[in-house]
Amino acid sequence: MSEYVGKVGKKGELYMPAELRAEIGLNPGDDFLVTIGMEGLIVKKGKKISDLLMEEPIAKVTGKEMGEIRKELEKEIIER
């Protein structure tokens, strides 16, 4: 596990060392997720749609099933 020292700016900005950003693949404009854990903060790079498309699917749905789901949703929306 790597450790880095960052700084907090006057307006509360979090400044991370370039080595840390490079290690987790964080580039200017990227989103990142910060979770508070038992031992401190956990920083993870946010996922882009392109990252999600490269992951294994969590479910497989056929075109027919999607059509049925769409009809159900349309019906539900109209009834509201």
C-alpha atoms as a PDB file:
ATOM      1  CA  MET A   1       0.000   0.000   0.000  1.00  0.00           C
ATOM      2  CA  SER A   2       1.379   3.399  -0.979  1.00  0.00           C
ATOM      3  CA  GLU A   3       1.115   6.490   1.203  1.00  0.00           C
ATOM      4  CA  TYR A   4       1.176  10.097   0.036  1.00  0.00           C
ATOM      5  CA  VAL A   5       0.984  13.474   1.719  1.00  0.00           C
ATOM      6  CA  GLY A   6      -1.465  15.979   0.267  1.00  0.00           C
ATOM      7  CA  LYS A   7      -2.485  19.456   1.292  1.00  0.00           C
ATOM      8  CA  VAL A   8      -5.731  21.276   1.945  1.00  0.00           C
ATOM      9  CA  GLY A   9      -5.982  24.713   0.346  1.00  0.00           C
ATOM     10  CA  LYS A  10      -7.425  27.890   1.862  1.00  0.00           C
ATOM     11  CA  LYS A  11     -10.832  27.209   0.304  1.00  0.00           C
ATOM     12  CA  GLY A  12     -10.863  23.535   1.295  1.00  0.00           C
ATOM     13  CA  GLU A  13      -9.469  22.193  -1.985  1.00  0.00           C
ATOM     14  CA  LEU A  14      -7.708  18.845  -1.722  1.00  0.00           C
ATOM     15  CA  TYR A  15      -4.323  18.838  -3.426  1.00  0.00           C
ATOM     16  CA  MET A  16      -2.915  15.409  -4.285  1.00  0.00           C
ATOM     17  CA  PRO A  17       0.660  14.731  -5.347  1.00  0.00           C
ATOM     18  CA  ALA A  18       1.175  13.984  -9.033  1.00  0.00           C
ATOM     19  CA  GLU A  19       2.490  10.503  -8.170  1.00  0.00           C
ATOM     20  CA  LEU A  20      -0.798   9.641  -6.429  1.00  0.00           C
ATOM     21  CA  ARG A  21      -2.894  10.908  -9.332  1.00  0.00           C
ATOM     22  CA  ALA A  22      -0.746   8.898 -11.749  1.00  0.00           C
ATOM     23  CA  GLU A  23      -1.007   5.720  -9.643  1.00  0.00           C
ATOM     24  CA  ILE A  24      -4.809   5.748  -9.622  1.00  0.00           C
ATOM     25  CA  GLY A  25      -5.122   7.133 -13.163  1.00  0.00           C
ATOM     26  CA  LEU A  26      -6.723  10.427 -12.126  1.00  0.00           C
ATOM     27  CA  ASN A  27      -6.537  13.135 -14.792  1.00  0.00           C
ATOM     28  CA  PRO A  28      -7.630  16.786 -14.782  1.00  0.00           C
ATOM     29  CA  GLY A  29     -11.429  16.948 -14.945  1.00  0.00           C
ATOM     30  CA  ASP A  30     -11.957  13.377 -13.698  1.00  0.00           C
ATOM     31  CA  ASP A  31     -14.395  12.688 -10.881  1.00  0.00           C
ATOM     32  CA  PHE A  32     -13.272  10.792  -7.819  1.00  0.00           C
ATOM     33  CA  LEU A  33     -15.102   9.150  -4.952  1.00  0.00           C
ATOM     34  CA  VAL A  34     -14.095   9.679  -1.328  1.00  0.00           C
ATOM     35  CA  THR A  35     -15.371   7.239   1.285  1.00  0.00           C
ATOM     36  CA  ILE A  36     -14.869   7.612   5.017  1.00  0.00           C
ATOM     37  CA  GLY A  37     -13.571   4.341   6.436  1.00  0.00           C
ATOM     38  CA  MET A  38     -12.522   3.151   9.881  1.00  0.00           C
ATOM     39  CA  GLU A  39      -8.930   4.224   9.284  1.00  0.00           C
ATOM     40  CA  GLY A  40      -9.526   7.401   7.287  1.00  0.00           C
ATOM     41  CA  LEU A  41     -10.426   8.396   3.755  1.00  0.00           C
ATOM     42  CA  ILE A  42     -10.517   6.052   0.783  1.00  0.00           C
ATOM     43  CA  VAL A  43     -10.077   7.777  -2.593  1.00  0.00           C
ATOM     44  CA  LYS A  44     -11.155   6.017  -5.793  1.00  0.00           C
ATOM     45  CA  LYS A  45     -11.241   7.201  -9.377  1.00  0.00           C
ATOM     46  CA  GLY A  46     -14.781   7.784 -10.628  1.00  0.00           C
ATOM     47  CA  LYS A  47     -15.963   5.545 -13.422  1.00  0.00           C
ATOM     48  CA  LYS A  48     -16.798   6.884 -16.856  1.00  0.00           C
ATOM     49  CA  ILE A  49     -19.310   5.253 -19.162  1.00  0.00           C
ATOM     50  CA  SER A  50     -16.416   3.841 -21.211  1.00  0.00           C
ATOM     51  CA  ASP A  51     -15.073   2.133 -18.054  1.00  0.00           C
ATOM     52  CA  LEU A  52     -18.482   0.614 -17.318  1.00  0.00           C
ATOM     53  CA  LEU A  53     -18.814  -0.714 -20.865  1.00  0.00           C
ATOM     54  CA  MET A  54     -15.567  -2.651 -20.451  1.00  0.00           C
ATOM     55  CA  GLU A  55     -16.760  -4.432 -17.269  1.00  0.00           C
ATOM     56  CA  GLU A  56     -18.541  -7.771 -17.156  1.00  0.00           C
ATOM     57  CA  PRO A  57     -22.314  -7.277 -17.350  1.00  0.00           C
ATOM     58  CA  ILE A  58     -24.263  -7.732 -14.137  1.00  0.00           C
ATOM     59  CA  ALA A  59     -27.281  -9.010 -16.061  1.00  0.00           C
ATOM     60  CA  LYS A  60     -28.108 -10.147 -19.567  1.00  0.00           C
ATOM     61  CA  VAL A  61     -31.391  -9.091 -21.156  1.00  0.00           C
ATOM     62  CA  THR A  62     -32.694 -10.035 -24.578  1.00  0.00           C
ATOM     63  CA  GLY A  63     -34.240  -7.543 -26.981  1.00  0.00           C
ATOM     64  CA  LYS A  64     -37.623  -9.178 -26.428  1.00  0.00           C
ATOM     65  CA  GLU A  65     -37.301  -8.770 -22.640  1.00  0.00           C
ATOM     66  CA  MET A  66     -36.339  -5.108 -23.073  1.00  0.00           C
ATOM     67  CA  GLY A  67     -39.443  -4.572 -25.211  1.00  0.00           C
ATOM     68  CA  GLU A  68     -41.645  -6.091 -22.513  1.00  0.00           C
ATOM     69  CA  ILE A  69     -40.015  -3.970 -19.801  1.00  0.00           C
ATOM     70  CA  ARG A  70     -40.471  -0.851 -21.916  1.00  0.00           C
ATOM     71  CA  LYS A  71     -44.180  -1.578 -22.406  1.00  0.00           C
ATOM     72  CA  GLU A  72     -44.630  -2.055 -18.654  1.00  0.00           C
ATOM     73  CA  LEU A  73     -42.845   1.228 -17.914  1.00  0.00           C
ATOM     74  CA  GLU A  74     -44.865   3.135 -20.519  1.00  0.00           C
ATOM     75  CA  LYS A  75     -48.070   1.762 -19.016  1.00  0.00           C
ATOM     76  CA  GLU A  76     -46.958   2.758 -15.513  1.00  0.00           C
ATOM     77  CA  ILE A  77     -46.063   6.303 -16.643  1.00  0.00           C
ATOM     78  CA  ILE A  78     -49.406   6.773 -18.440  1.00  0.00           C
ATOM     79  CA  GLU A  79     -51.316   5.608 -15.341  1.00  0.00           C
ATOM     80  CA  ARG A  80     -49.657   8.244 -13.163  1.00  0.00           C
END
